[in-house]
């Protein structure tokens, strides 16, 4: 197993650590859990860089890397629902989009079509990766103001989630063989 794939597996193993720390009751557990989440999120950039720069791209990595990302973000979002920091309907839409686009990519791959990440998809990821830590930290460092940056960011992430999902499906509708959409 190459270093890029080991880092991806490490990200998956960080998810239960993140969740345990989040649910343990000790001083600053939210900060420690958020640091673990951010570390896990940063490993995605690192493993991708290593895989491309060292020609370590494998089918295993192509499969596990996006799965690791979905496990990390979905776990955090579901935990945030349980902690009553985000509405369930927001998380359901975000996770449903991930299932739809992942299934769509599998279908496209079965037909020899690769669907690259779009700029809108990247905005979706960036806004989610800003919103989740803010929600984990109860809007810190903005919690002493009336400005709910955490909620603004999660709704912005929701917007990009919906728009990027529609964009993926529309631009690649031939893969679904639904030309009359």
N, C-alpha and C. Protein backbone atom coordinates (compact mmCIF):
# COMPACT_ATOMS: atom_id res chain seq x y z
N UNK A 1 0.86 -1.18 0.00
CA UNK A 1 0.00 0.00 0.00
C UNK A 1 0.90 1.24 0.00
N UNK A 2 0.63 2.16 -0.91
CA UNK A 2 1.48 3.35 -1.01
C UNK A 2 1.09 4.40 0.05
N UNK A 3 1.94 5.43 0.18
CA UNK A 3 1.76 6.44 1.22
C UNK A 3 0.45 7.22 1.06
N UNK A 4 0.06 7.51 -0.17
CA UNK A 4 -1.19 8.24 -0.38
C UNK A 4 -2.39 7.44 0.13
N UNK A 5 -2.41 6.15 -0.16
CA UNK A 5 -3.51 5.30 0.30
C UNK A 5 -3.47 5.12 1.82
N UNK A 6 -2.29 5.07 2.40
CA UNK A 6 -2.18 4.96 3.86
C UNK A 6 -2.76 6.21 4.53
N UNK A 7 -2.51 7.36 3.94
CA UNK A 7 -3.06 8.60 4.49
C UNK A 7 -4.58 8.61 4.38
N UNK A 8 -5.10 8.12 3.27
CA UNK A 8 -6.55 8.03 3.10
C UNK A 8 -7.16 7.12 4.16
N UNK A 9 -6.54 5.96 4.39
CA UNK A 9 -7.02 5.03 5.43
C UNK A 9 -6.94 5.68 6.80
N UNK A 10 -5.87 6.43 7.04
CA UNK A 10 -5.73 7.17 8.30
C UNK A 10 -6.91 8.11 8.51
N UNK A 11 -7.35 8.79 7.43
CA UNK A 11 -8.50 9.69 7.51
C UNK A 11 -9.74 8.93 7.97
N UNK A 12 -9.95 7.75 7.43
CA UNK A 12 -11.11 6.94 7.83
C UNK A 12 -11.01 6.58 9.32
N UNK A 13 -9.82 6.22 9.78
CA UNK A 13 -9.64 5.86 11.19
C UNK A 13 -9.78 7.06 12.12
N UNK A 14 -9.57 8.26 11.61
CA UNK A 14 -9.76 9.46 12.43
C UNK A 14 -11.23 9.74 12.72
N UNK A 15 -12.13 9.23 11.89
CA UNK A 15 -13.55 9.52 12.07
C UNK A 15 -14.07 9.05 13.43
N UNK A 16 -13.87 7.77 13.82
CA UNK A 16 -14.36 7.38 15.15
C UNK A 16 -13.64 8.11 16.29
N UNK A 17 -12.38 8.44 16.09
CA UNK A 17 -11.65 9.21 17.11
C UNK A 17 -12.30 10.57 17.27
N UNK A 18 -12.58 11.23 16.15
CA UNK A 18 -13.25 12.52 16.15
C UNK A 18 -14.59 12.43 16.90
N UNK A 19 -15.38 11.40 16.58
CA UNK A 19 -16.71 11.27 17.20
C UNK A 19 -16.62 10.98 18.70
N UNK A 20 -15.71 10.13 19.10
CA UNK A 20 -15.55 9.83 20.53
C UNK A 20 -15.17 11.09 21.29
N UNK A 21 -14.20 11.82 20.77
CA UNK A 21 -13.77 13.06 21.43
C UNK A 21 -14.92 14.07 21.47
N UNK A 22 -15.68 14.16 20.40
CA UNK A 22 -16.81 15.10 20.35
C UNK A 22 -17.84 14.79 21.43
N UNK A 23 -18.08 13.52 21.67
CA UNK A 23 -19.12 13.12 22.63
C UNK A 23 -18.62 12.99 24.06
N UNK A 24 -17.32 12.91 24.26
CA UNK A 24 -16.80 12.86 25.63
C UNK A 24 -17.00 14.22 26.29
N UNK A 25 -17.23 14.17 27.59
CA UNK A 25 -17.46 15.40 28.33
C UNK A 25 -16.19 15.77 29.09
N UNK A 26 -15.40 16.62 28.48
CA UNK A 26 -14.21 17.14 29.15
C UNK A 26 -13.99 18.57 28.63
N UNK A 27 -13.26 19.37 29.38
CA UNK A 27 -13.06 20.76 28.95
C UNK A 27 -12.43 20.84 27.56
N UNK A 28 -13.00 21.68 26.75
CA UNK A 28 -12.50 21.94 25.39
C UNK A 28 -12.60 20.76 24.44
N UNK A 29 -13.50 19.81 24.73
CA UNK A 29 -13.65 18.67 23.83
C UNK A 29 -14.05 19.11 22.42
N UNK A 30 -14.86 20.18 22.31
CA UNK A 30 -15.23 20.67 20.98
C UNK A 30 -14.02 21.15 20.19
N UNK A 31 -13.08 21.79 20.89
CA UNK A 31 -11.87 22.27 20.22
C UNK A 31 -10.99 21.11 19.76
N UNK A 32 -10.86 20.11 20.61
CA UNK A 32 -10.04 18.95 20.26
C UNK A 32 -10.70 18.19 19.11
N UNK A 33 -12.01 17.98 19.19
CA UNK A 33 -12.73 17.29 18.12
C UNK A 33 -12.62 18.06 16.81
N UNK A 34 -12.73 19.38 16.88
CA UNK A 34 -12.61 20.20 15.68
C UNK A 34 -11.21 20.11 15.09
N UNK A 35 -10.20 20.10 15.94
CA UNK A 35 -8.82 19.95 15.46
C UNK A 35 -8.65 18.60 14.75
N UNK A 36 -9.24 17.56 15.29
CA UNK A 36 -9.17 16.23 14.65
C UNK A 36 -9.89 16.27 13.31
N UNK A 37 -11.06 16.89 13.27
CA UNK A 37 -11.80 17.01 12.01
C UNK A 37 -10.97 17.76 10.97
N UNK A 38 -10.38 18.88 11.35
CA UNK A 38 -9.58 19.67 10.42
C UNK A 38 -8.36 18.87 9.94
N UNK A 39 -7.70 18.17 10.86
CA UNK A 39 -6.57 17.31 10.47
C UNK A 39 -7.01 16.28 9.45
N UNK A 40 -8.14 15.63 9.71
CA UNK A 40 -8.65 14.62 8.78
C UNK A 40 -8.97 15.25 7.43
N UNK A 41 -9.58 16.43 7.43
CA UNK A 41 -9.92 17.11 6.18
C UNK A 41 -8.65 17.48 5.41
N UNK A 42 -7.61 17.90 6.11
CA UNK A 42 -6.37 18.27 5.45
C UNK A 42 -5.65 17.07 4.84
N UNK A 43 -5.87 15.88 5.41
CA UNK A 43 -5.23 14.70 4.83
C UNK A 43 -5.74 14.44 3.41
N UNK A 44 -6.94 14.91 3.10
CA UNK A 44 -7.46 14.74 1.74
C UNK A 44 -6.59 15.49 0.74
N UNK A 45 -6.20 16.70 1.09
CA UNK A 45 -5.32 17.47 0.21
C UNK A 45 -3.96 16.80 0.09
N UNK A 46 -3.45 16.33 1.22
CA UNK A 46 -2.12 15.71 1.23
C UNK A 46 -2.10 14.42 0.42
N UNK A 47 -3.07 13.54 0.63
CA UNK A 47 -3.03 12.26 -0.11
C UNK A 47 -3.22 12.48 -1.60
N UNK A 48 -4.06 13.45 -1.97
CA UNK A 48 -4.25 13.76 -3.39
C UNK A 48 -2.98 14.31 -4.02
N UNK A 49 -2.31 15.20 -3.29
CA UNK A 49 -1.06 15.77 -3.80
C UNK A 49 -0.01 14.68 -3.98
N UNK A 50 0.14 13.83 -2.97
CA UNK A 50 1.14 12.76 -3.06
C UNK A 50 0.82 11.78 -4.19
N UNK A 51 -0.44 11.44 -4.32
CA UNK A 51 -0.82 10.48 -5.36
C UNK A 51 -0.51 11.03 -6.75
N UNK A 52 -0.82 12.31 -6.97
CA UNK A 52 -0.58 12.89 -8.30
C UNK A 52 0.90 13.19 -8.54
N UNK A 53 1.56 13.78 -7.55
CA UNK A 53 2.95 14.21 -7.75
C UNK A 53 3.93 13.05 -7.83
N UNK A 54 3.60 11.94 -7.20
CA UNK A 54 4.49 10.77 -7.21
C UNK A 54 3.97 9.63 -8.07
N UNK A 55 2.96 9.94 -8.86
CA UNK A 55 2.36 8.93 -9.74
C UNK A 55 1.93 7.69 -8.95
N UNK A 56 1.22 7.94 -7.85
CA UNK A 56 0.75 6.86 -6.98
C UNK A 56 -0.76 6.66 -7.07
N UNK A 57 -1.37 7.13 -8.15
CA UNK A 57 -2.82 7.00 -8.32
C UNK A 57 -3.14 5.52 -8.57
N UNK A 58 -4.04 4.99 -7.74
CA UNK A 58 -4.45 3.59 -7.87
C UNK A 58 -5.97 3.50 -7.91
N UNK A 59 -6.47 2.38 -8.38
CA UNK A 59 -7.93 2.17 -8.37
C UNK A 59 -8.44 2.15 -6.93
N UNK A 60 -7.66 1.56 -6.02
CA UNK A 60 -8.03 1.55 -4.60
C UNK A 60 -8.19 2.99 -4.10
N UNK A 61 -7.22 3.84 -4.42
CA UNK A 61 -7.28 5.24 -3.99
C UNK A 61 -8.45 5.98 -4.61
N UNK A 62 -8.71 5.73 -5.88
CA UNK A 62 -9.85 6.37 -6.55
C UNK A 62 -11.16 5.99 -5.89
N UNK A 63 -11.22 4.77 -5.37
CA UNK A 63 -12.44 4.30 -4.70
C UNK A 63 -12.53 4.81 -3.27
N UNK A 64 -11.44 4.66 -2.50
CA UNK A 64 -11.48 4.93 -1.06
C UNK A 64 -11.42 6.41 -0.74
N UNK A 65 -10.68 7.20 -1.52
CA UNK A 65 -10.53 8.62 -1.19
C UNK A 65 -11.87 9.36 -1.14
N UNK A 66 -12.70 9.29 -2.18
CA UNK A 66 -13.99 10.00 -2.06
C UNK A 66 -14.89 9.39 -0.99
N UNK A 67 -14.78 8.08 -0.77
CA UNK A 67 -15.56 7.43 0.28
C UNK A 67 -15.14 7.95 1.65
N UNK A 68 -13.84 8.10 1.86
CA UNK A 68 -13.33 8.63 3.13
C UNK A 68 -13.85 10.05 3.37
N UNK A 69 -13.88 10.86 2.31
CA UNK A 69 -14.40 12.22 2.43
C UNK A 69 -15.86 12.21 2.85
N UNK A 70 -16.65 11.35 2.22
CA UNK A 70 -18.08 11.28 2.53
C UNK A 70 -18.32 10.78 3.95
N UNK A 71 -17.52 9.79 4.37
CA UNK A 71 -17.65 9.27 5.74
C UNK A 71 -17.35 10.37 6.75
N UNK A 72 -16.29 11.13 6.51
CA UNK A 72 -15.89 12.20 7.43
C UNK A 72 -16.97 13.28 7.51
N UNK A 73 -17.36 13.84 6.37
CA UNK A 73 -18.31 14.95 6.42
C UNK A 73 -19.70 14.49 6.86
N UNK A 74 -20.13 13.33 6.40
CA UNK A 74 -21.46 12.83 6.81
C UNK A 74 -21.49 12.56 8.31
N UNK A 75 -20.45 11.97 8.84
CA UNK A 75 -20.39 11.70 10.28
C UNK A 75 -20.47 12.99 11.08
N UNK A 76 -19.70 13.98 10.66
CA UNK A 76 -19.72 15.26 11.37
C UNK A 76 -21.10 15.91 11.29
N UNK A 77 -21.70 15.91 10.10
CA UNK A 77 -23.01 16.54 9.94
C UNK A 77 -24.09 15.83 10.75
N UNK A 78 -24.06 14.51 10.77
CA UNK A 78 -25.05 13.75 11.55
C UNK A 78 -24.86 14.02 13.04
N UNK A 79 -23.61 14.08 13.48
CA UNK A 79 -23.34 14.40 14.89
C UNK A 79 -23.85 15.80 15.22
N UNK A 80 -23.69 16.73 14.29
CA UNK A 80 -24.17 18.10 14.52
C UNK A 80 -25.69 18.16 14.62
N UNK A 81 -26.39 17.29 13.92
CA UNK A 81 -27.85 17.21 14.06
C UNK A 81 -28.18 16.74 15.48
N UNK A 82 -27.50 15.68 15.91
CA UNK A 82 -27.75 15.16 17.26
C UNK A 82 -27.44 16.20 18.33
N UNK A 83 -26.43 17.02 18.08
CA UNK A 83 -26.07 18.07 19.04
C UNK A 83 -26.96 19.31 18.90
N UNK A 84 -27.92 19.24 17.98
CA UNK A 84 -28.89 20.32 17.73
C UNK A 84 -28.23 21.62 17.28
N UNK A 85 -27.20 21.48 16.44
CA UNK A 85 -26.52 22.66 15.90
C UNK A 85 -26.86 22.91 14.44
N UNK A 86 -27.53 21.94 13.82
CA UNK A 86 -27.96 22.11 12.43
C UNK A 86 -29.25 21.30 12.26
N UNK A 87 -30.13 21.78 11.41
CA UNK A 87 -31.39 21.08 11.17
C UNK A 87 -31.16 19.82 10.35
N UNK A 88 -31.92 18.78 10.68
CA UNK A 88 -31.79 17.50 9.98
C UNK A 88 -32.07 17.63 8.49
N UNK A 89 -33.03 18.47 8.10
CA UNK A 89 -33.37 18.58 6.67
C UNK A 89 -32.19 19.09 5.85
N UNK A 90 -31.37 19.95 6.45
CA UNK A 90 -30.18 20.45 5.75
C UNK A 90 -29.21 19.30 5.49
N UNK A 91 -28.98 18.51 6.52
CA UNK A 91 -28.04 17.38 6.42
C UNK A 91 -28.57 16.32 5.47
N UNK A 92 -29.87 16.08 5.50
CA UNK A 92 -30.46 15.09 4.59
C UNK A 92 -30.23 15.50 3.13
N UNK A 93 -30.43 16.76 2.82
CA UNK A 93 -30.20 17.23 1.45
C UNK A 93 -28.74 17.08 1.07
N UNK A 94 -27.84 17.46 1.96
CA UNK A 94 -26.41 17.37 1.67
C UNK A 94 -25.99 15.92 1.44
N UNK A 95 -26.41 15.03 2.32
CA UNK A 95 -26.03 13.62 2.18
C UNK A 95 -26.71 12.98 0.97
N UNK A 96 -27.96 13.34 0.71
CA UNK A 96 -28.66 12.80 -0.47
C UNK A 96 -27.92 13.19 -1.74
N UNK A 97 -27.46 14.42 -1.83
CA UNK A 97 -26.70 14.86 -3.00
C UNK A 97 -25.45 14.01 -3.16
N UNK A 98 -24.78 13.72 -2.06
CA UNK A 98 -23.56 12.90 -2.13
C UNK A 98 -23.87 11.51 -2.67
N UNK A 99 -24.95 10.90 -2.20
CA UNK A 99 -25.35 9.58 -2.71
C UNK A 99 -25.66 9.66 -4.21
N UNK A 100 -26.41 10.68 -4.60
CA UNK A 100 -26.81 10.82 -6.00
C UNK A 100 -25.59 10.98 -6.90
N UNK A 101 -24.70 11.89 -6.55
CA UNK A 101 -23.54 12.15 -7.40
C UNK A 101 -22.57 10.97 -7.37
N UNK A 102 -22.41 10.32 -6.23
CA UNK A 102 -21.54 9.14 -6.18
C UNK A 102 -22.10 8.03 -7.07
N UNK A 103 -23.39 7.79 -6.99
CA UNK A 103 -24.03 6.79 -7.85
C UNK A 103 -23.90 7.16 -9.31
N UNK A 104 -24.05 8.44 -9.60
CA UNK A 104 -23.93 8.94 -10.96
C UNK A 104 -22.51 8.71 -11.48
N UNK A 105 -21.51 8.97 -10.65
CA UNK A 105 -20.12 8.76 -11.06
C UNK A 105 -19.83 7.28 -11.29
N UNK A 106 -20.41 6.41 -10.46
CA UNK A 106 -20.23 4.96 -10.66
C UNK A 106 -20.84 4.55 -12.00
N UNK A 107 -22.04 5.05 -12.29
CA UNK A 107 -22.69 4.75 -13.57
C UNK A 107 -21.83 5.25 -14.73
N UNK A 108 -21.35 6.48 -14.62
CA UNK A 108 -20.51 7.04 -15.68
C UNK A 108 -19.24 6.21 -15.86
N UNK A 109 -18.61 5.82 -14.75
CA UNK A 109 -17.38 5.02 -14.83
C UNK A 109 -17.65 3.68 -15.49
N UNK A 110 -18.83 3.10 -15.25
CA UNK A 110 -19.16 1.81 -15.87
C UNK A 110 -19.27 1.94 -17.39
N UNK A 111 -19.48 3.18 -17.85
CA UNK A 111 -19.56 3.43 -19.29
C UNK A 111 -18.27 4.06 -19.82
N UNK A 112 -17.23 4.05 -18.98
CA UNK A 112 -15.93 4.59 -19.40
C UNK A 112 -15.84 6.10 -19.37
N UNK A 113 -16.76 6.75 -18.68
CA UNK A 113 -16.78 8.21 -18.60
C UNK A 113 -16.29 8.63 -17.22
N UNK A 114 -15.34 9.55 -17.20
CA UNK A 114 -14.86 10.11 -15.94
C UNK A 114 -15.47 11.49 -15.78
N UNK A 115 -16.07 11.73 -14.63
CA UNK A 115 -16.68 13.02 -14.36
C UNK A 115 -15.76 13.76 -13.39
N UNK A 116 -15.12 14.79 -13.88
CA UNK A 116 -14.19 15.57 -13.07
C UNK A 116 -14.95 16.47 -12.11
N UNK A 117 -14.27 16.84 -11.04
CA UNK A 117 -14.85 17.77 -10.09
C UNK A 117 -15.04 19.13 -10.78
N UNK A 118 -16.16 19.76 -10.48
CA UNK A 118 -16.45 21.06 -11.08
C UNK A 118 -16.09 22.17 -10.09
N UNK A 119 -15.95 23.39 -10.58
CA UNK A 119 -15.72 24.51 -9.65
C UNK A 119 -16.84 24.63 -8.60
N UNK A 120 -18.08 24.40 -9.02
CA UNK A 120 -19.19 24.47 -8.05
C UNK A 120 -19.04 23.38 -6.99
N UNK A 121 -18.61 22.20 -7.39
CA UNK A 121 -18.37 21.12 -6.44
C UNK A 121 -17.27 21.47 -5.46
N UNK A 122 -16.26 22.17 -5.95
CA UNK A 122 -15.17 22.60 -5.06
C UNK A 122 -15.67 23.66 -4.07
N UNK A 123 -16.53 24.59 -4.54
CA UNK A 123 -17.13 25.57 -3.63
C UNK A 123 -17.98 24.87 -2.57
N UNK A 124 -18.69 23.83 -2.98
CA UNK A 124 -19.49 23.04 -2.04
C UNK A 124 -18.59 22.48 -0.95
N UNK A 125 -17.50 21.88 -1.35
CA UNK A 125 -16.59 21.26 -0.38
C UNK A 125 -15.97 22.31 0.53
N UNK A 126 -15.51 23.41 -0.04
CA UNK A 126 -14.88 24.46 0.77
C UNK A 126 -15.87 25.03 1.79
N UNK A 127 -17.09 25.32 1.36
CA UNK A 127 -18.06 25.90 2.29
C UNK A 127 -18.45 24.90 3.37
N UNK A 128 -18.54 23.61 3.03
CA UNK A 128 -18.81 22.59 4.05
C UNK A 128 -17.66 22.53 5.05
N UNK A 129 -16.43 22.58 4.55
CA UNK A 129 -15.27 22.45 5.43
C UNK A 129 -15.01 23.71 6.26
N UNK A 130 -15.68 24.79 5.94
CA UNK A 130 -15.67 25.98 6.81
C UNK A 130 -16.83 25.90 7.79
N UNK A 131 -18.00 25.50 7.29
CA UNK A 131 -19.21 25.45 8.13
C UNK A 131 -19.09 24.43 9.26
N UNK A 132 -18.59 23.25 8.96
CA UNK A 132 -18.56 22.19 9.97
C UNK A 132 -17.74 22.58 11.19
N UNK A 133 -16.50 23.06 11.04
CA UNK A 133 -15.77 23.49 12.25
C UNK A 133 -16.47 24.62 13.01
N UNK A 134 -17.05 25.58 12.27
CA UNK A 134 -17.78 26.66 12.96
C UNK A 134 -18.95 26.10 13.76
N UNK A 135 -19.67 25.15 13.19
CA UNK A 135 -20.79 24.52 13.91
C UNK A 135 -20.28 23.69 15.09
N UNK A 136 -19.19 22.98 14.90
CA UNK A 136 -18.61 22.19 16.00
C UNK A 136 -18.21 23.09 17.17
N UNK A 137 -17.77 24.30 16.85
CA UNK A 137 -17.31 25.24 17.88
C UNK A 137 -18.39 26.23 18.32
N UNK A 138 -19.66 25.92 18.00
CA UNK A 138 -20.76 26.80 18.39
C UNK A 138 -20.54 28.24 17.93
N UNK A 139 -20.11 28.39 16.68
CA UNK A 139 -19.92 29.70 16.06
C UNK A 139 -18.71 30.46 16.59
N UNK A 140 -17.81 29.79 17.28
CA UNK A 140 -16.57 30.43 17.72
C UNK A 140 -15.73 30.74 16.50
N UNK A 141 -15.14 31.87 16.38
CA UNK A 141 -14.95 32.96 17.33
C UNK A 141 -16.02 34.06 17.24
N UNK A 142 -17.10 33.79 16.54
CA UNK A 142 -18.13 34.80 16.33
C UNK A 142 -19.26 34.72 17.37
N UNK A 143 -19.14 33.81 18.35
CA UNK A 143 -20.25 33.60 19.28
C UNK A 143 -20.48 34.75 20.24
N UNK A 144 -19.56 35.68 20.34
CA UNK A 144 -19.79 36.84 21.20
C UNK A 144 -20.50 37.97 20.46
N UNK A 145 -20.79 37.74 19.18
CA UNK A 145 -21.52 38.73 18.38
C UNK A 145 -22.90 38.16 18.05
N UNK A 146 -23.68 38.94 17.40
CA UNK A 146 -24.99 38.49 16.94
C UNK A 146 -24.91 37.82 15.57
N UNK A 147 -23.73 37.74 15.02
CA UNK A 147 -23.55 37.23 13.66
C UNK A 147 -23.39 35.72 13.69
N UNK A 148 -24.32 34.98 13.07
CA UNK A 148 -24.28 33.52 13.03
C UNK A 148 -23.55 33.07 11.76
N UNK A 149 -22.24 33.21 11.77
CA UNK A 149 -21.43 32.84 10.62
C UNK A 149 -21.55 31.34 10.36
N UNK A 150 -21.67 30.55 11.43
CA UNK A 150 -21.80 29.10 11.27
C UNK A 150 -23.05 28.73 10.46
N UNK A 151 -24.18 29.36 10.78
CA UNK A 151 -25.41 29.07 10.05
C UNK A 151 -25.36 29.64 8.63
N UNK A 152 -24.80 30.83 8.48
CA UNK A 152 -24.64 31.39 7.14
C UNK A 152 -23.83 30.43 6.27
N UNK A 153 -22.73 29.90 6.81
CA UNK A 153 -21.86 29.02 6.03
C UNK A 153 -22.53 27.69 5.70
N UNK A 154 -23.31 27.13 6.64
CA UNK A 154 -23.95 25.85 6.33
C UNK A 154 -25.04 26.05 5.28
N UNK A 155 -25.73 27.18 5.31
CA UNK A 155 -26.74 27.43 4.28
C UNK A 155 -26.08 27.75 2.94
N UNK A 156 -24.94 28.40 2.97
CA UNK A 156 -24.18 28.62 1.74
C UNK A 156 -23.69 27.27 1.18
N UNK A 157 -23.23 26.40 2.08
CA UNK A 157 -22.83 25.04 1.66
C UNK A 157 -24.02 24.30 1.07
N UNK A 158 -25.18 24.44 1.68
CA UNK A 158 -26.39 23.81 1.16
C UNK A 158 -26.71 24.33 -0.25
N UNK A 159 -26.60 25.64 -0.43
CA UNK A 159 -26.83 26.23 -1.75
C UNK A 159 -25.88 25.62 -2.78
N UNK A 160 -24.58 25.59 -2.48
CA UNK A 160 -23.62 25.03 -3.43
C UNK A 160 -23.81 23.52 -3.60
N UNK A 161 -24.28 22.85 -2.57
CA UNK A 161 -24.57 21.43 -2.67
C UNK A 161 -25.65 21.19 -3.72
N UNK A 162 -26.73 21.95 -3.63
CA UNK A 162 -27.84 21.79 -4.57
C UNK A 162 -27.44 22.21 -5.98
N UNK A 163 -26.83 23.38 -6.10
CA UNK A 163 -26.46 23.90 -7.42
C UNK A 163 -25.43 23.01 -8.09
N UNK A 164 -24.42 22.55 -7.35
CA UNK A 164 -23.40 21.70 -7.96
C UNK A 164 -23.97 20.35 -8.35
N UNK A 165 -24.90 19.83 -7.57
CA UNK A 165 -25.55 18.56 -7.92
C UNK A 165 -26.34 18.69 -9.21
N UNK A 166 -27.10 19.76 -9.33
CA UNK A 166 -27.86 20.01 -10.56
C UNK A 166 -26.89 20.18 -11.74
N UNK A 167 -25.82 20.92 -11.51
CA UNK A 167 -24.83 21.16 -12.56
C UNK A 167 -24.20 19.85 -13.04
N UNK A 168 -23.80 18.97 -12.12
CA UNK A 168 -23.24 17.67 -12.50
C UNK A 168 -24.22 16.88 -13.36
N UNK A 169 -25.45 16.79 -12.89
CA UNK A 169 -26.44 16.00 -13.62
C UNK A 169 -26.76 16.60 -14.98
N UNK A 170 -26.92 17.92 -15.04
CA UNK A 170 -27.27 18.55 -16.30
C UNK A 170 -26.13 18.43 -17.32
N UNK A 171 -24.91 18.72 -16.89
CA UNK A 171 -23.78 18.67 -17.83
C UNK A 171 -23.46 17.25 -18.31
N UNK A 172 -23.90 16.28 -17.56
CA UNK A 172 -23.58 14.89 -17.90
C UNK A 172 -24.84 14.05 -18.11
N UNK A 173 -25.93 14.70 -18.51
CA UNK A 173 -27.22 14.00 -18.63
C UNK A 173 -27.18 12.88 -19.66
N UNK A 174 -26.30 12.96 -20.63
CA UNK A 174 -26.22 11.89 -21.62
C UNK A 174 -25.81 10.57 -20.98
N UNK A 175 -25.04 10.65 -19.91
CA UNK A 175 -24.64 9.43 -19.19
C UNK A 175 -25.87 8.72 -18.63
N UNK A 176 -26.85 9.48 -18.22
CA UNK A 176 -28.10 8.89 -17.71
C UNK A 176 -29.06 8.52 -18.84
N UNK A 177 -28.70 8.95 -20.04
CA UNK A 177 -29.54 8.74 -21.21
C UNK A 177 -30.92 9.38 -21.03
N UNK A 178 -30.90 10.58 -20.48
CA UNK A 178 -32.12 11.35 -20.27
C UNK A 178 -32.02 12.67 -21.03
N UNK A 179 -31.86 12.58 -22.31
CA UNK A 179 -31.62 13.77 -23.12
C UNK A 179 -32.79 14.76 -23.11
N UNK A 180 -33.98 14.31 -22.72
CA UNK A 180 -35.10 15.26 -22.76
C UNK A 180 -35.26 16.07 -21.47
N UNK A 181 -34.35 15.97 -20.56
CA UNK A 181 -34.48 16.76 -19.32
C UNK A 181 -34.33 18.22 -19.64
